[in-house]
C-alpha atoms as a PDB file:
ATOM      1  CA  UNK A   1       0.054   0.016   0.031  1.00  0.00           C
ATOM      2  CA  UNK A   2       1.379   3.405  -0.996  1.00  0.00           C
ATOM      3  CA  UNK A   3       1.235   6.367   1.641  1.00  0.00           C
ATOM      4  CA  UNK A   4      -0.551   8.828  -1.147  1.00  0.00           C
ATOM      5  CA  UNK A   5      -3.327   6.663  -1.965  1.00  0.00           C
ATOM      6  CA  UNK A   6      -6.585   6.223  -0.521  1.00  0.00           C
ATOM      7  CA  UNK A   7      -6.849   2.454  -0.242  1.00  0.00           C
ATOM      8  CA  UNK A   8     -10.045   0.327   1.192  1.00  0.00           C
ATOM      9  CA  UNK A   9     -10.403  -0.243   4.726  1.00  0.00           C
ATOM     10  CA  UNK A  10      -8.556  -3.508   5.975  1.00  0.00           C
ATOM     11  CA  UNK A  11     -10.509  -6.338   7.025  1.00  0.00           C
ATOM     12  CA  UNK A  12     -14.081  -4.917   5.545  1.00  0.00           C
ATOM     13  CA  UNK A  13     -15.857  -7.041   3.064  1.00  0.00           C
ATOM     14  CA  UNK A  14     -16.397  -5.090  -0.508  1.00  0.00           C
ATOM     15  CA  UNK A  15     -19.807  -4.438  -1.287  1.00  0.00           C
ATOM     16  CA  UNK A  16     -20.989  -4.943  -5.287  1.00  0.00           C
ATOM     17  CA  UNK A  17     -24.512  -3.683  -6.496  1.00  0.00           C
ATOM     18  CA  UNK A  18     -25.915  -6.102  -9.069  1.00  0.00           C
ATOM     19  CA  UNK A  19     -26.691  -5.045 -12.293  1.00  0.00           C
ATOM     20  CA  UNK A  20     -30.636  -6.173 -11.718  1.00  0.00           C
ATOM     21  CA  UNK A  21     -30.470  -4.025  -8.476  1.00  0.00           C
ATOM     22  CA  UNK A  22     -29.088  -0.880 -10.581  1.00  0.00           C
ATOM     23  CA  UNK A  23     -32.001  -1.393 -13.035  1.00  0.00           C
ATOM     24  CA  UNK A  24     -34.760  -2.050 -10.142  1.00  0.00           C
ATOM     25  CA  UNK A  25     -33.286   1.269  -8.817  1.00  0.00           C
ATOM     26  CA  UNK A  26     -33.884   2.987 -12.117  1.00  0.00           C
ATOM     27  CA  UNK A  27     -37.522   2.178 -13.405  1.00  0.00           C
ATOM     28  CA  UNK A  28     -38.344   2.961  -9.422  1.00  0.00           C
ATOM     29  CA  UNK A  29     -37.364   6.704 -10.048  1.00  0.00           C
ATOM     30  CA  UNK A  30     -38.763   6.624 -13.702  1.00  0.00           C
ATOM     31  CA  UNK A  31     -41.923   5.330 -12.364  1.00  0.00           C
ATOM     32  CA  UNK A  32     -42.087   7.917  -9.583  1.00  0.00           C
ATOM     33  CA  UNK A  33     -41.517  10.825 -12.357  1.00  0.00           C
ATOM     34  CA  UNK A  34     -44.662   9.494 -14.257  1.00  0.00           C
ATOM     35  CA  UNK A  35     -46.437   9.614 -11.221  1.00  0.00           C
ATOM     36  CA  UNK A  36     -45.560  13.297 -10.694  1.00  0.00           C
ATOM     37  CA  UNK A  37     -46.663  14.278 -13.901  1.00  0.00           C
ATOM     38  CA  UNK A  38     -49.815  12.411 -13.972  1.00  0.00           C
ATOM     39  CA  UNK A  39     -50.497  14.575 -10.268  1.00  0.00           C
ATOM     40  CA  UNK A  40     -49.450  18.161 -12.228  1.00  0.00           C
ATOM     41  CA  UNK A  41     -51.953  17.290 -15.030  1.00  0.00           C
ATOM     42  CA  UNK A  42     -54.785  16.330 -12.852  1.00  0.00           C
ATOM     43  CA  UNK A  43     -53.991  19.535 -10.886  1.00  0.00           C
ATOM     44  CA  UNK A  44     -53.797  22.075 -13.571  1.00  0.00           C
ATOM     45  CA  UNK A  45     -57.527  22.119 -15.470  1.00  0.00           C
ATOM     46  CA  UNK A  46     -56.794  25.301 -17.539  1.00  0.00           C
ATOM     47  CA  UNK A  47     -53.058  24.116 -18.572  1.00  0.00           C
ATOM     48  CA  UNK A  48     -53.996  20.976 -20.995  1.00  0.00           C
ATOM     49  CA  UNK A  49     -52.184  21.737 -23.585  1.00  0.00           C
ATOM     50  CA  UNK A  50     -48.986  20.221 -25.011  1.00  0.00           C
ATOM     51  CA  UNK A  51     -47.570  17.958 -22.308  1.00  0.00           C
ATOM     52  CA  UNK A  52     -44.259  19.183 -23.285  1.00  0.00           C
ATOM     53  CA  UNK A  53     -44.921  22.749 -22.190  1.00  0.00           C
ATOM     54  CA  UNK A  54     -46.279  21.718 -18.570  1.00  0.00           C
ATOM     55  CA  UNK A  55     -42.894  19.724 -18.713  1.00  0.00           C
ATOM     56  CA  UNK A  56     -41.020  22.938 -19.613  1.00  0.00           C
ATOM     57  CA  UNK A  57     -42.873  24.450 -16.939  1.00  0.00           C
ATOM     58  CA  UNK A  58     -42.227  22.053 -14.318  1.00  0.00           C
ATOM     59  CA  UNK A  59     -38.507  22.078 -15.082  1.00  0.00           C
ATOM     60  CA  UNK A  60     -38.220  25.778 -14.442  1.00  0.00           C
ATOM     61  CA  UNK A  61     -40.188  25.584 -11.485  1.00  0.00           C
ATOM     62  CA  UNK A  62     -37.163  23.108 -10.292  1.00  0.00           C
ATOM     63  CA  UNK A  63     -34.649  24.992 -11.581  1.00  0.00           C
ATOM     64  CA  UNK A  64     -35.928  28.162  -9.407  1.00  0.00           C
ATOM     65  CA  UNK A  65     -36.536  25.640  -6.405  1.00  0.00           C
ATOM     66  CA  UNK A  66     -32.707  24.652  -6.583  1.00  0.00           C
ATOM     67  CA  UNK A  67     -31.385  28.077  -6.573  1.00  0.00           C
ATOM     68  CA  UNK A  68     -33.450  28.865  -3.471  1.00  0.00           C
ATOM     69  CA  UNK A  69     -32.066  25.904  -2.176  1.00  0.00           C
ATOM     70  CA  UNK A  70     -28.433  26.872  -2.621  1.00  0.00           C
ATOM     71  CA  UNK A  71     -28.931  30.173  -1.565  1.00  0.00           C
ATOM     72  CA  UNK A  72     -30.353  29.094   1.789  1.00  0.00           C
ATOM     73  CA  UNK A  73     -28.265  26.413   2.098  1.00  0.00           C
ATOM     74  CA  UNK A  74     -28.137  25.271   5.810  1.00  0.00           C
ATOM     75  CA  UNK A  75     -25.618  23.735   8.291  1.00  0.00           C
ATOM     76  CA  UNK A  76     -26.576  20.893  10.657  1.00  0.00           C
ATOM     77  CA  UNK A  77     -30.311  21.105  12.492  1.00  0.00           C
ATOM     78  CA  UNK A  78     -30.858  24.230  10.940  1.00  0.00           C
ATOM     79  CA  UNK A  79     -32.409  23.011   7.820  1.00  0.00           C
ATOM     80  CA  UNK A  80     -34.748  20.627  10.092  1.00  0.00           C
ATOM     81  CA  UNK A  81     -35.868  23.428  12.570  1.00  0.00           C
ATOM     82  CA  UNK A  82     -37.306  26.909  10.962  1.00  0.00           C
ATOM     83  CA  UNK A  83     -35.808  29.507  13.435  1.00  0.00           C
ATOM     84  CA  UNK A  84     -35.708  33.118  12.274  1.00  0.00           C
ATOM     85  CA  UNK A  85     -32.971  35.184  14.060  1.00  0.00           C
ATOM     86  CA  UNK A  86     -33.791  38.476  14.167  1.00  0.00           C
ATOM     87  CA  UNK A  87     -30.123  39.425  14.870  1.00  0.00           C
ATOM     88  CA  UNK A  88     -28.787  37.714  12.036  1.00  0.00           C
ATOM     89  CA  UNK A  89     -28.072  40.224   8.984  1.00  0.00           C
ATOM     90  CA  UNK A  90     -28.491  39.056   5.708  1.00  0.00           C
ATOM     91  CA  UNK A  91     -25.537  40.037   3.506  1.00  0.00           C
ATOM     92  CA  UNK A  92     -27.057  41.968   0.737  1.00  0.00           C
ATOM     93  CA  UNK A  93     -24.625  43.226  -2.062  1.00  0.00           C
ATOM     94  CA  UNK A  94     -24.884  47.118  -3.192  1.00  0.00           C
ATOM     95  CA  UNK A  95     -24.030  48.281  -6.624  1.00  0.00           C
ATOM     96  CA  UNK A  96     -21.862  51.173  -6.987  1.00  0.00           C
ATOM     97  CA  UNK A  97     -24.598  53.449  -7.930  1.00  0.00           C
ATOM     98  CA  UNK A  98     -26.273  52.667  -4.432  1.00  0.00           C
ATOM     99  CA  UNK A  99     -23.516  53.593  -2.506  1.00  0.00           C
ATOM    100  CA  UNK A 100     -23.745  56.724  -1.172  1.00  0.00           C
ATOM    101  CA  UNK A 101     -20.771  58.507  -0.476  1.00  0.00           C
ATOM    102  CA  UNK A 102     -21.042  62.119   0.249  1.00  0.00           C
ATOM    103  CA  UNK A 103     -23.763  61.187   3.218  1.00  0.00           C
ATOM    104  CA  UNK A 104     -22.457  61.296   6.602  1.00  0.00           C
ATOM    105  CA  UNK A 105     -20.591  58.641   7.392  1.00  0.00           C
ATOM    106  CA  UNK A 106     -21.504  56.852  11.100  1.00  0.00           C
ATOM    107  CA  UNK A 107     -18.582  56.106  12.763  1.00  0.00           C
ATOM    108  CA  UNK A 108     -18.075  52.881  15.083  1.00  0.00           C
ATOM    109  CA  UNK A 109     -17.591  53.545  18.548  1.00  0.00           C
ATOM    110  CA  UNK A 110     -13.966  52.274  18.570  1.00  0.00           C
ATOM    111  CA  UNK A 111     -13.379  55.426  15.919  1.00  0.00           C
ATOM    112  CA  UNK A 112     -15.388  57.807  17.813  1.00  0.00           C
ATOM    113  CA  UNK A 113     -13.138  56.761  21.299  1.00  0.00           C
ATOM    114  CA  UNK A 114     -10.255  57.436  19.585  1.00  0.00           C
ATOM    115  CA  UNK A 115     -11.013  60.788  17.921  1.00  0.00           C
ATOM    116  CA  UNK A 116     -12.411  62.071  21.118  1.00  0.00           C
ATOM    117  CA  UNK A 117      -9.007  61.209  22.840  1.00  0.00           C
ATOM    118  CA  UNK A 118      -7.129  62.958  20.012  1.00  0.00           C
ATOM    119  CA  UNK A 119      -9.067  65.640  20.806  1.00  0.00           C
ATOM    120  CA  UNK A 120      -8.464  65.749  24.475  1.00  0.00           C
ATOM    121  CA  UNK A 121      -4.928  65.133  24.098  1.00  0.00           C
ATOM    122  CA  UNK A 122      -4.622  68.366  22.202  1.00  0.00           C
ATOM    123  CA  UNK A 123      -6.826  69.983  24.532  1.00  0.00           C
ATOM    124  CA  UNK A 124      -4.443  69.273  27.453  1.00  0.00           C
ATOM    125  CA  UNK A 125      -0.939  69.698  25.028  1.00  0.00           C
ATOM    126  CA  UNK A 126      -2.828  73.839  24.639  1.00  0.00           C
ATOM    127  CA  UNK A 127      -3.551  73.915  28.113  1.00  0.00           C
ATOM    128  CA  UNK A 128      -0.109  72.486  29.440  1.00  0.00           C
ATOM    129  CA  UNK A 129       1.816  74.817  26.776  1.00  0.00           C
ATOM    130  CA  UNK A 130      -0.321  77.950  28.069  1.00  0.00           C
ATOM    131  CA  UNK A 131       0.908  76.738  31.631  1.00  0.00           C
ATOM    132  CA  UNK A 132      -2.538  76.154  33.063  1.00  0.00           C
ATOM    133  CA  UNK A 133      -2.588  72.624  33.961  1.00  0.00           C
ATOM    134  CA  UNK A 134      -1.225  71.097  37.189  1.00  0.00           C
ATOM    135  CA  UNK A 135       1.665  69.634  35.839  1.00  0.00           C
ATOM    136  CA  UNK A 136       2.634  72.798  33.643  1.00  0.00           C
ATOM    137  CA  UNK A 137       2.700  74.500  36.936  1.00  0.00           C
ATOM    138  CA  UNK A 138       4.738  71.785  38.819  1.00  0.00           C
ATOM    139  CA  UNK A 139       6.927  71.681  35.918  1.00  0.00           C
ATOM    140  CA  UNK A 140       7.535  75.782  35.778  1.00  0.00           C
ATOM    141  CA  UNK A 141       8.107  75.746  39.165  1.00  0.00           C
ATOM    142  CA  UNK A 142      10.800  73.424  39.483  1.00  0.00           C
ATOM    143  CA  UNK A 143      12.618  74.751  36.160  1.00  0.00           C
ATOM    144  CA  UNK A 144      12.202  78.081  38.400  1.00  0.00           C
ATOM    145  CA  UNK A 145      14.207  76.276  41.220  1.00  0.00           C
ATOM    146  CA  UNK A 146      16.552  74.780  39.164  1.00  0.00           C
ATOM    147  CA  UNK A 147      17.606  78.249  37.236  1.00  0.00           C
ATOM    148  CA  UNK A 148      17.878  79.917  40.799  1.00  0.00           C
ATOM    149  CA  UNK A 149      20.388  76.994  41.696  1.00  0.00           C
ATOM    150  CA  UNK A 150      22.595  77.460  38.407  1.00  0.00           C
ATOM    151  CA  UNK A 151      22.633  80.891  38.751  1.00  0.00           C
ATOM    152  CA  UNK A 152      24.107  80.494  42.180  1.00  0.00           C
ATOM    153  CA  UNK A 153      26.776  78.098  41.250  1.00  0.00           C
ATOM    154  CA  UNK A 154      27.686  80.330  38.491  1.00  0.00           C
ATOM    155  CA  UNK A 155      27.976  83.204  40.715  1.00  0.00           C
ATOM    156  CA  UNK A 156      30.240  81.079  42.892  1.00  0.00           C
ATOM    157  CA  UNK A 157      32.287  79.646  40.218  1.00  0.00           C
ATOM    158  CA  UNK A 158      32.795  83.447  38.908  1.00  0.00           C
ATOM    159  CA  UNK A 159      33.980  84.685  42.436  1.00  0.00           C
ATOM    160  CA  UNK A 160      36.409  81.568  42.992  1.00  0.00           C
ATOM    161  CA  UNK A 161      38.013  82.407  39.629  1.00  0.00           C
ATOM    162  CA  UNK A 162      38.354  86.029  40.333  1.00  0.00           C
ATOM    163  CA  UNK A 163      40.020  84.917  43.972  1.00  0.00           C
ATOM    164  CA  UNK A 164      42.323  82.590  41.433  1.00  0.00           C
ATOM    165  CA  UNK A 165      43.164  85.537  39.078  1.00  0.00           C
ATOM    166  CA  UNK A 166      43.858  87.678  41.732  1.00  0.00           C
ATOM    167  CA  UNK A 167      46.091  85.089  44.075  1.00  0.00           C
ATOM    168  CA  UNK A 168      47.924  84.415  40.757  1.00  0.00           C
ATOM    169  CA  UNK A 169      48.286  88.052  40.028  1.00  0.00           C
ATOM    170  CA  UNK A 170      49.710  88.752  43.425  1.00  0.00           C
ATOM    171  CA  UNK A 171      52.067  85.525  42.914  1.00  0.00           C
ATOM    172  CA  UNK A 172      53.460  87.187  39.873  1.00  0.00           C
ATOM    173  CA  UNK A 173      54.078  90.376  41.393  1.00  0.00           C
ATOM    174  CA  UNK A 174      56.114  88.906  44.391  1.00  0.00           C
ATOM    175  CA  UNK A 175      58.248  87.036  41.800  1.00  0.00           C
ATOM    176  CA  UNK A 176      58.944  90.155  39.357  1.00  0.00           C
ATOM    177  CA  UNK A 177      59.756  91.993  42.613  1.00  0.00           C
ATOM    178  CA  UNK A 178      62.094  89.581  43.704  1.00  0.00           C
ATOM    179  CA  UNK A 179      63.953  89.217  40.367  1.00  0.00           C
ATOM    180  CA  UNK A 180      64.173  93.075  40.088  1.00  0.00           C
ATOM    181  CA  UNK A 181      66.211  93.031  43.060  1.00  0.00           C
END
């Protein structure tokens, strides 16, 4: 047995349909079709014309029924129990001419929330830049403290530098005086 082929099941006996059984099934189907045609002729009093025309109309009805069955093909038990689900939305295809692009587009909840979030963020940033939010006030106060500390540090460095310069200048004077002697 090859791995790629579908083989018969091991151990099962094969069943063959005999030609007589096949003929019997075909005859039973033909007989059913004849009985249906006779019932159709009895039901239609005004349509007692050509049997070919009646057969064509029956065929066209059958093809329409087949299309309906195809469209409403149901899974599992749905075919047995007829249930109307009010929440089920039947998909309808729209033509391009029916689409309304110019009309106001209704947004989903997520899209609306996203837009509101962006607008709130923009409002907050404007208030923040204007210095009206609590966080902005705290930031400005912290910046003011840092500026004062930096100014004081710069002033101390300046004083130290001046002190060094004075010390170096006085040291040079001493050296120059000692050289002159």
